[in-house]
Amino acid sequence: MENHSQTFSDSPVSFNMIAIEGNRNADPFKMSATYRVRLDDFRMGEYPVTQEIWAYVMRDTDMADPSYFKGAKRPVEQVSWEDIDELFLPSLNDKTKDSRPKGTYYRLPTEAEWEYAARGGKYREQYPFEYAGSNKLDEVGWYGYDEENSHKESKQVGLKTPNLLKLYDMSGNVWEWCSDWYDSYPDSNKGITVNPIGPATSSYRVFRGGGWGGDARYCRSTHRNYASPTLRNDYVGFRLVLSFSPVQKG
């Protein structure tokens, strides 16, 4: 699998999707002491979705400019899980139907894909970092709601050091929605789960990664959080996945 550069015939806006080698034929990925998964290869956005990408895809709607912190290269925020799933993704997939790899779909990452990528994918055992790319959060993330790091605002993407997979801003800046409903991890007696998509239903959706207004502990690659799928807030955005397997809606 190769990286994919997504361009548009009627706009200078573009973005890169980084090829992530899964572990389908390798050691299981341990998301907890008892929860082990295997994943197919997939592509993930180099950055969180920026405001210029959102504005292009949503230009014919009344939601083209939802963010509190303005900036074309800043991550889009104040978008709910439902806004992304019901409005943005259908429009993006329609606009890219002739320009993305055949048989692939843009979607939100599953929680397992997100954590696997944040922890460095196949490099995770050799480099078991606490955050996405480092044990020093200042190197890789905007966080802390103070004047020393985040300055109480989101930041332009890509200004910090990427992780080992060349993914930026996976710790801090804005939290990132995942496709899964939230619940505790499955019972260990079920063995290894392949391409998990989370529970069938719940009241909340998962988001990950920490953000500009939170403590360092929330930016750990293993930290889980959740909220109503209707939540719109200036600390929550999202990142894209491009894969051959669309996640079925729950």
C-alpha atoms as a PDB file:
ATOM      1  CA  MET A   1       0.000   0.000   0.000  1.00  0.00           C
ATOM      2  CA  GLU A   2       1.245   3.483  -0.887  1.00  0.00           C
ATOM      3  CA  ASN A   3       0.458   6.925   0.465  1.00  0.00           C
ATOM      4  CA  HIS A   4      -2.353   8.744  -1.332  1.00  0.00           C
ATOM      5  CA  SER A   5      -2.372  12.463  -2.141  1.00  0.00           C
ATOM      6  CA  GLN A   6      -5.961  13.678  -2.434  1.00  0.00           C
ATOM      7  CA  THR A   7      -6.428  16.579  -4.834  1.00  0.00           C
ATOM      8  CA  PHE A   8      -9.467  18.291  -6.339  1.00  0.00           C
ATOM      9  CA  SER A   9      -9.920  19.534  -9.903  1.00  0.00           C
ATOM     10  CA  ASP A  10     -11.681  22.735  -8.860  1.00  0.00           C
ATOM     11  CA  SER A  11      -9.646  23.719  -5.796  1.00  0.00           C
ATOM     12  CA  PRO A  12      -6.001  24.039  -4.690  1.00  0.00           C
ATOM     13  CA  VAL A  13      -6.915  22.274  -1.439  1.00  0.00           C
ATOM     14  CA  SER A  14      -5.251  18.893  -0.976  1.00  0.00           C
ATOM     15  CA  PHE A  15      -4.270  16.483   1.780  1.00  0.00           C
ATOM     16  CA  ASN A  16      -2.155  13.374   2.257  1.00  0.00           C
ATOM     17  CA  MET A  17      -3.212   9.969   3.498  1.00  0.00           C
ATOM     18  CA  ILE A  18      -0.363   7.979   5.050  1.00  0.00           C
ATOM     19  CA  ALA A  19      -0.194   4.211   4.424  1.00  0.00           C
ATOM     20  CA  ILE A  20      -0.279   2.289   7.707  1.00  0.00           C
ATOM     21  CA  GLU A  21       0.854  -1.330   7.687  1.00  0.00           C
ATOM     22  CA  GLY A  22      -1.531  -3.378   9.809  1.00  0.00           C
ATOM     23  CA  ASN A  23      -0.731  -6.411  11.934  1.00  0.00           C
ATOM     24  CA  ARG A  24      -3.069  -8.961  10.384  1.00  0.00           C
ATOM     25  CA  ASN A  25      -0.193 -11.435  10.023  1.00  0.00           C
ATOM     26  CA  ALA A  26       1.861 -10.253  12.978  1.00  0.00           C
ATOM     27  CA  ASP A  27       1.672 -10.192  16.769  1.00  0.00           C
ATOM     28  CA  PRO A  28      -1.635  -8.974  18.217  1.00  0.00           C
ATOM     29  CA  PHE A  29      -1.910  -5.321  19.182  1.00  0.00           C
ATOM     30  CA  LYS A  30      -2.593  -5.017  22.910  1.00  0.00           C
ATOM     31  CA  MET A  31      -5.012  -2.191  23.681  1.00  0.00           C
ATOM     32  CA  SER A  32      -5.160  -3.317  27.314  1.00  0.00           C
ATOM     33  CA  ALA A  33      -3.850  -6.181  29.398  1.00  0.00           C
ATOM     34  CA  THR A  34      -6.686  -8.369  28.113  1.00  0.00           C
ATOM     35  CA  TYR A  35      -7.886  -6.815  24.835  1.00  0.00           C
ATOM     36  CA  ARG A  36      -5.915  -7.844  21.749  1.00  0.00           C
ATOM     37  CA  VAL A  37      -6.672  -6.946  18.125  1.00  0.00           C
ATOM     38  CA  ARG A  38      -5.451  -7.429  14.573  1.00  0.00           C
ATOM     39  CA  LEU A  39      -5.935  -4.833  11.848  1.00  0.00           C
ATOM     40  CA  ASP A  40      -5.779  -4.751   8.065  1.00  0.00           C
ATOM     41  CA  ASP A  41      -3.678  -2.116   6.315  1.00  0.00           C
ATOM     42  CA  PHE A  42      -5.283   1.325   6.072  1.00  0.00           C
ATOM     43  CA  ARG A  43      -4.429   4.935   5.276  1.00  0.00           C
ATOM     44  CA  MET A  44      -4.750   7.730   7.814  1.00  0.00           C
ATOM     45  CA  GLY A  45      -4.671  11.517   7.442  1.00  0.00           C
ATOM     46  CA  GLU A  46      -1.262  13.077   7.924  1.00  0.00           C
ATOM     47  CA  TYR A  47      -2.990  15.831   9.928  1.00  0.00           C
ATOM     48  CA  PRO A  48      -6.356  16.382  11.548  1.00  0.00           C
ATOM     49  CA  VAL A  49      -8.867  17.704   9.012  1.00  0.00           C
ATOM     50  CA  THR A  50      -8.173  21.411   8.602  1.00  0.00           C
ATOM     51  CA  GLN A  51     -10.614  24.256   8.254  1.00  0.00           C
ATOM     52  CA  GLU A  52      -9.750  24.761   4.583  1.00  0.00           C
ATOM     53  CA  ILE A  53     -10.589  21.128   3.782  1.00  0.00           C
ATOM     54  CA  TRP A  54     -13.834  21.313   5.741  1.00  0.00           C
ATOM     55  CA  ALA A  55     -14.782  24.610   4.056  1.00  0.00           C
ATOM     56  CA  TYR A  56     -14.211  23.184   0.584  1.00  0.00           C
ATOM     57  CA  VAL A  57     -16.225  20.021   1.182  1.00  0.00           C
ATOM     58  CA  MET A  58     -19.043  21.881   2.974  1.00  0.00           C
ATOM     59  CA  ARG A  59     -19.030  25.040   0.847  1.00  0.00           C
ATOM     60  CA  ASP A  60     -22.631  24.667  -0.303  1.00  0.00           C
ATOM     61  CA  THR A  61     -24.004  24.360   3.234  1.00  0.00           C
ATOM     62  CA  ASP A  62     -24.513  26.666   6.202  1.00  0.00           C
ATOM     63  CA  MET A  63     -21.752  24.791   8.083  1.00  0.00           C
ATOM     64  CA  ALA A  64     -18.771  25.819   5.984  1.00  0.00           C
ATOM     65  CA  ASP A  65     -17.116  27.777   8.812  1.00  0.00           C
ATOM     66  CA  PRO A  66     -18.006  26.291  12.212  1.00  0.00           C
ATOM     67  CA  SER A  67     -14.707  26.691  14.080  1.00  0.00           C
ATOM     68  CA  TYR A  68     -14.164  29.012  17.020  1.00  0.00           C
ATOM     69  CA  PHE A  69     -10.434  29.439  16.403  1.00  0.00           C
ATOM     70  CA  LYS A  70     -10.121  30.669  12.818  1.00  0.00           C
ATOM     71  CA  GLY A  71      -7.309  29.639  10.470  1.00  0.00           C
ATOM     72  CA  ALA A  72      -7.195  27.701   7.195  1.00  0.00           C
ATOM     73  CA  LYS A  73      -4.430  25.417   8.488  1.00  0.00           C
ATOM     74  CA  ARG A  74      -5.876  24.980  11.973  1.00  0.00           C
ATOM     75  CA  PRO A  75      -7.922  21.865  12.680  1.00  0.00           C
ATOM     76  CA  VAL A  76     -11.642  22.240  12.185  1.00  0.00           C
ATOM     77  CA  GLU A  77     -13.555  22.053  15.480  1.00  0.00           C
ATOM     78  CA  GLN A  78     -17.065  22.613  16.762  1.00  0.00           C
ATOM     79  CA  VAL A  79     -18.193  19.732  14.544  1.00  0.00           C
ATOM     80  CA  SER A  80     -20.153  16.858  16.040  1.00  0.00           C
ATOM     81  CA  TRP A  81     -19.795  13.176  15.277  1.00  0.00           C
ATOM     82  CA  GLU A  82     -23.156  13.376  13.521  1.00  0.00           C
ATOM     83  CA  ASP A  83     -22.060  16.392  11.440  1.00  0.00           C
ATOM     84  CA  ILE A  84     -19.084  14.400  10.204  1.00  0.00           C
ATOM     85  CA  ASP A  85     -20.910  11.136   9.601  1.00  0.00           C
ATOM     86  CA  GLU A  86     -24.090  12.494   8.053  1.00  0.00           C
ATOM     87  CA  LEU A  87     -22.844  15.561   6.173  1.00  0.00           C
ATOM     88  CA  PHE A  88     -19.089  15.791   5.677  1.00  0.00           C
ATOM     89  CA  LEU A  89     -18.178  12.198   4.831  1.00  0.00           C
ATOM     90  CA  PRO A  90     -20.945  11.625   2.246  1.00  0.00           C
ATOM     91  CA  SER A  91     -19.963  14.862   0.512  1.00  0.00           C
ATOM     92  CA  LEU A  92     -16.245  14.068   0.601  1.00  0.00           C
ATOM     93  CA  ASN A  93     -16.779  10.565  -0.761  1.00  0.00           C
ATOM     94  CA  ASP A  94     -18.930  11.950  -3.543  1.00  0.00           C
ATOM     95  CA  LYS A  95     -16.377  14.607  -4.487  1.00  0.00           C
ATOM     96  CA  THR A  96     -13.525  12.057  -4.538  1.00  0.00           C
ATOM     97  CA  LYS A  97     -15.300   9.118  -6.199  1.00  0.00           C
ATOM     98  CA  ASP A  98     -13.119   9.405  -9.316  1.00  0.00           C
ATOM     99  CA  SER A  99      -9.879  10.431  -7.642  1.00  0.00           C
ATOM    100  CA  ARG A 100      -9.326   8.096  -4.699  1.00  0.00           C
ATOM    101  CA  PRO A 101      -8.040   4.508  -5.005  1.00  0.00           C
ATOM    102  CA  LYS A 102     -10.705   2.225  -6.431  1.00  0.00           C
ATOM    103  CA  GLY A 103     -12.829   0.474  -3.827  1.00  0.00           C
ATOM    104  CA  THR A 104     -11.797   2.723  -0.944  1.00  0.00           C
ATOM    105  CA  TYR A 105     -13.876   4.993   1.300  1.00  0.00           C
ATOM    106  CA  TYR A 106     -13.179   7.953   3.515  1.00  0.00           C
ATOM    107  CA  ARG A 107     -14.439   7.465   7.062  1.00  0.00           C
ATOM    108  CA  LEU A 108     -13.603   8.064  10.689  1.00  0.00           C
ATOM    109  CA  PRO A 109     -10.971   5.764  12.197  1.00  0.00           C
ATOM    110  CA  THR A 110     -12.056   3.006  14.497  1.00  0.00           C
ATOM    111  CA  GLU A 111     -10.738   3.392  18.014  1.00  0.00           C
ATOM    112  CA  ALA A 112      -8.356   0.469  17.428  1.00  0.00           C
ATOM    113  CA  GLU A 113      -6.994   2.035  14.234  1.00  0.00           C
ATOM    114  CA  TRP A 114      -6.553   5.369  15.960  1.00  0.00           C
ATOM    115  CA  GLU A 115      -4.597   3.958  18.888  1.00  0.00           C
ATOM    116  CA  TYR A 116      -2.544   1.606  16.711  1.00  0.00           C
ATOM    117  CA  ALA A 117      -1.478   4.540  14.527  1.00  0.00           C
ATOM    118  CA  ALA A 118      -0.870   6.886  17.474  1.00  0.00           C
ATOM    119  CA  ARG A 119       1.401   4.339  19.137  1.00  0.00           C
ATOM    120  CA  GLY A 120       3.481   3.900  16.000  1.00  0.00           C
ATOM    121  CA  GLY A 121       1.951   0.844  14.349  1.00  0.00           C
ATOM    122  CA  LYS A 122       4.565  -1.821  13.693  1.00  0.00           C
ATOM    123  CA  TYR A 123       7.176   0.210  15.616  1.00  0.00           C
ATOM    124  CA  ARG A 124       5.178   0.299  18.856  1.00  0.00           C
ATOM    125  CA  GLU A 125       7.076  -2.468  20.682  1.00  0.00           C
ATOM    126  CA  GLN A 126      10.501  -1.082  19.808  1.00  0.00           C
ATOM    127  CA  TYR A 127       9.509   2.481  20.740  1.00  0.00           C
ATOM    128  CA  PRO A 128       6.828   2.328  23.464  1.00  0.00           C
ATOM    129  CA  PHE A 129       6.261   6.074  23.789  1.00  0.00           C
ATOM    130  CA  GLU A 130       3.720   7.473  26.236  1.00  0.00           C
ATOM    131  CA  TYR A 131       2.521  10.052  23.709  1.00  0.00           C
ATOM    132  CA  ALA A 132       2.238   9.880  19.918  1.00  0.00           C
ATOM    133  CA  GLY A 133       5.914  10.003  18.939  1.00  0.00           C
ATOM    134  CA  SER A 134       7.687  10.876  22.184  1.00  0.00           C
ATOM    135  CA  ASN A 135       7.813  10.567  25.944  1.00  0.00           C
ATOM    136  CA  LYS A 136       8.083  14.371  26.054  1.00  0.00           C
ATOM    137  CA  LEU A 137       4.698  15.858  25.217  1.00  0.00           C
ATOM    138  CA  ASP A 138       6.107  19.320  24.491  1.00  0.00           C
ATOM    139  CA  GLU A 139       7.854  17.814  21.456  1.00  0.00           C
ATOM    140  CA  VAL A 140       4.705  16.478  19.826  1.00  0.00           C
ATOM    141  CA  GLY A 141       1.615  18.167  21.228  1.00  0.00           C
ATOM    142  CA  TRP A 142      -0.270  21.357  22.104  1.00  0.00           C
ATOM    143  CA  TYR A 143      -1.937  20.994  25.490  1.00  0.00           C
ATOM    144  CA  GLY A 144      -2.458  22.427  28.941  1.00  0.00           C
ATOM    145  CA  TYR A 145      -4.670  25.504  28.728  1.00  0.00           C
ATOM    146  CA  ASP A 146      -1.799  27.795  29.684  1.00  0.00           C
ATOM    147  CA  GLU A 147       0.443  30.472  28.205  1.00  0.00           C
ATOM    148  CA  GLU A 148       3.513  28.239  27.998  1.00  0.00           C
ATOM    149  CA  ASN A 149       2.307  25.634  25.493  1.00  0.00           C
ATOM    150  CA  SER A 150      -1.094  25.929  23.829  1.00  0.00           C
ATOM    151  CA  HIS A 151      -1.672  29.596  24.716  1.00  0.00           C
ATOM    152  CA  LYS A 152      -5.320  28.675  25.286  1.00  0.00           C
ATOM    153  CA  GLU A 153      -6.049  27.925  21.632  1.00  0.00           C
ATOM    154  CA  SER A 154      -5.739  25.354  18.865  1.00  0.00           C
ATOM    155  CA  LYS A 155      -2.706  25.632  16.580  1.00  0.00           C
ATOM    156  CA  GLN A 156      -1.892  25.240  12.901  1.00  0.00           C
ATOM    157  CA  VAL A 157      -1.368  21.557  12.160  1.00  0.00           C
ATOM    158  CA  GLY A 158       2.081  20.112  11.599  1.00  0.00           C
ATOM    159  CA  LEU A 159       4.137  22.473  13.769  1.00  0.00           C
ATOM    160  CA  LYS A 160       5.260  19.807  16.241  1.00  0.00           C
ATOM    161  CA  THR A 161       7.255  16.617  15.623  1.00  0.00           C
ATOM    162  CA  PRO A 162       5.308  13.755  13.972  1.00  0.00           C
ATOM    163  CA  ASN A 163       5.207  10.235  15.334  1.00  0.00           C
ATOM    164  CA  LEU A 164       7.087   7.309  13.786  1.00  0.00           C
ATOM    165  CA  LEU A 165       4.456   6.920  11.063  1.00  0.00           C
ATOM    166  CA  LYS A 166       4.765  10.603  10.062  1.00  0.00           C
ATOM    167  CA  LEU A 167       1.391  11.487  11.601  1.00  0.00           C
ATOM    168  CA  TYR A 168       1.185  14.922  13.223  1.00  0.00           C
ATOM    169  CA  ASP A 169      -0.857  16.237  16.144  1.00  0.00           C
ATOM    170  CA  MET A 170      -2.152  12.889  17.406  1.00  0.00           C
ATOM    171  CA  SER A 171      -1.362  13.992  20.946  1.00  0.00           C
ATOM    172  CA  GLY A 172      -2.907  17.357  21.759  1.00  0.00           C
ATOM    173  CA  ASN A 173      -4.182  20.253  19.636  1.00  0.00           C
ATOM    174  CA  VAL A 174      -7.753  18.929  19.279  1.00  0.00           C
ATOM    175  CA  TRP A 175      -9.376  15.703  20.405  1.00  0.00           C
ATOM    176  CA  GLU A 176     -10.331  13.430  17.505  1.00  0.00           C
ATOM    177  CA  TRP A 177     -13.621  11.601  16.998  1.00  0.00           C
ATOM    178  CA  CYS A 178     -13.516   7.859  16.305  1.00  0.00           C
ATOM    179  CA  SER A 179     -16.275   5.818  14.693  1.00  0.00           C
ATOM    180  CA  ASP A 180     -16.953   3.588  17.735  1.00  0.00           C
ATOM    181  CA  TRP A 181     -19.653   3.768  20.330  1.00  0.00           C
ATOM    182  CA  TYR A 182     -18.055   3.907  23.770  1.00  0.00           C
ATOM    183  CA  ASP A 183     -18.065   1.010  26.234  1.00  0.00           C
ATOM    184  CA  SER A 184     -15.561  -0.961  28.273  1.00  0.00           C
ATOM    185  CA  TYR A 185     -13.304  -3.240  26.251  1.00  0.00           C
ATOM    186  CA  PRO A 186     -14.597  -6.759  25.468  1.00  0.00           C
ATOM    187  CA  ASP A 187     -13.979  -9.720  27.761  1.00  0.00           C
ATOM    188  CA  SER A 188     -10.563 -11.305  27.349  1.00  0.00           C
ATOM    189  CA  ASN A 189     -12.102 -14.754  26.859  1.00  0.00           C
ATOM    190  CA  LYS A 190     -13.158 -13.743  23.346  1.00  0.00           C
ATOM    191  CA  GLY A 191      -9.564 -13.984  22.138  1.00  0.00           C
ATOM    192  CA  ILE A 192      -8.105 -11.823  19.382  1.00  0.00           C
ATOM    193  CA  THR A 193     -10.535  -9.482  17.617  1.00  0.00           C
ATOM    194  CA  VAL A 194      -9.944  -8.716  13.931  1.00  0.00           C
ATOM    195  CA  ASN A 195     -10.766  -5.186  12.716  1.00  0.00           C
ATOM    196  CA  PRO A 196     -12.986  -4.332  15.712  1.00  0.00           C
ATOM    197  CA  ILE A 197     -15.639  -1.651  15.219  1.00  0.00           C
ATOM    198  CA  GLY A 198     -16.770  -1.290  18.829  1.00  0.00           C
ATOM    199  CA  PRO A 199     -20.067  -2.108  20.511  1.00  0.00           C
ATOM    200  CA  ALA A 200     -23.305  -2.262  18.533  1.00  0.00           C
ATOM    201  CA  THR A 201     -24.843   0.655  20.399  1.00  0.00           C
ATOM    202  CA  SER A 202     -24.356   2.985  23.361  1.00  0.00           C
ATOM    203  CA  SER A 203     -25.080   6.582  24.299  1.00  0.00           C
ATOM    204  CA  TYR A 204     -21.662   8.067  23.556  1.00  0.00           C
ATOM    205  CA  ARG A 205     -19.028   8.094  20.808  1.00  0.00           C
ATOM    206  CA  VAL A 206     -15.287   7.775  21.418  1.00  0.00           C
ATOM    207  CA  PHE A 207     -12.813  10.577  20.950  1.00  0.00           C
ATOM    208  CA  ARG A 208      -9.061  10.383  21.495  1.00  0.00           C
ATOM    209  CA  GLY A 209      -5.782  12.247  21.718  1.00  0.00           C
ATOM    210  CA  GLY A 210      -6.249  15.111  24.156  1.00  0.00           C
ATOM    211  CA  GLY A 211      -6.335  18.760  23.220  1.00  0.00           C
ATOM    212  CA  TRP A 212      -5.147  22.319  23.688  1.00  0.00           C
ATOM    213  CA  GLY A 213      -7.281  22.822  26.795  1.00  0.00           C
ATOM    214  CA  GLY A 214      -6.479  19.660  28.741  1.00  0.00           C
ATOM    215  CA  ASP A 215      -3.825  18.163  30.971  1.00  0.00           C
ATOM    216  CA  ALA A 216      -0.947  16.039  29.706  1.00  0.00           C
ATOM    217  CA  ARG A 217      -2.521  12.824  30.998  1.00  0.00           C
ATOM    218  CA  TYR A 218      -5.337  13.153  28.479  1.00  0.00           C
ATOM    219  CA  CYS A 219      -2.826  13.213  25.605  1.00  0.00           C
ATOM    220  CA  ARG A 220      -1.491   9.718  26.297  1.00  0.00           C
ATOM    221  CA  SER A 221      -1.976   7.424  23.311  1.00  0.00           C
ATOM    222  CA  THR A 222      -3.893   4.939  25.463  1.00  0.00           C
ATOM    223  CA  HIS A 223      -6.277   7.437  27.080  1.00  0.00           C
ATOM    224  CA  ARG A 224      -9.971   7.052  26.200  1.00  0.00           C
ATOM    225  CA  ASN A 225     -12.711   9.669  26.282  1.00  0.00           C
ATOM    226  CA  TYR A 226     -16.281   9.917  25.054  1.00  0.00           C
ATOM    227  CA  ALA A 227     -19.171  12.308  24.490  1.00  0.00           C
ATOM    228  CA  SER A 228     -22.609  12.569  22.973  1.00  0.00           C
ATOM    229  CA  PRO A 229     -22.446  12.272  19.160  1.00  0.00           C
ATOM    230  CA  THR A 230     -24.179  15.670  18.993  1.00  0.00           C
ATOM    231  CA  LEU A 231     -21.412  17.484  20.917  1.00  0.00           C
ATOM    232  CA  ARG A 232     -19.907  20.526  19.210  1.00  0.00           C
ATOM    233  CA  ASN A 233     -16.966  22.035  21.054  1.00  0.00           C
ATOM    234  CA  ASP A 234     -13.865  24.053  20.229  1.00  0.00           C
ATOM    235  CA  TYR A 235     -11.560  21.309  21.483  1.00  0.00           C
ATOM    236  CA  VAL A 236     -12.873  18.403  19.341  1.00  0.00           C
ATOM    237  CA  GLY A 237     -12.070  17.727  15.677  1.00  0.00           C
ATOM    238  CA  PHE A 238     -11.272  14.602  13.688  1.00  0.00           C
ATOM    239  CA  ARG A 239      -8.896  12.780  11.351  1.00  0.00           C
ATOM    240  CA  LEU A 240      -9.708  10.723   8.259  1.00  0.00           C
ATOM    241  CA  VAL A 241      -9.088   7.103   7.370  1.00  0.00           C
ATOM    242  CA  LEU A 242      -9.130   5.765   3.811  1.00  0.00           C
ATOM    243  CA  SER A 243      -9.719   2.029   3.594  1.00  0.00           C
ATOM    244  CA  PHE A 244     -11.293  -0.811   1.637  1.00  0.00           C
ATOM    245  CA  SER A 245     -13.671  -1.636   4.475  1.00  0.00           C
ATOM    246  CA  PRO A 246     -16.355   0.919   5.350  1.00  0.00           C
ATOM    247  CA  VAL A 247     -17.401   0.689   8.999  1.00  0.00           C
ATOM    248  CA  GLN A 248     -21.066  -0.215   9.282  1.00  0.00           C
ATOM    249  CA  LYS A 249     -23.131   2.326  11.156  1.00  0.00           C
ATOM    250  CA  GLY A 250     -24.328   1.321  14.584  1.00  0.00           C
END
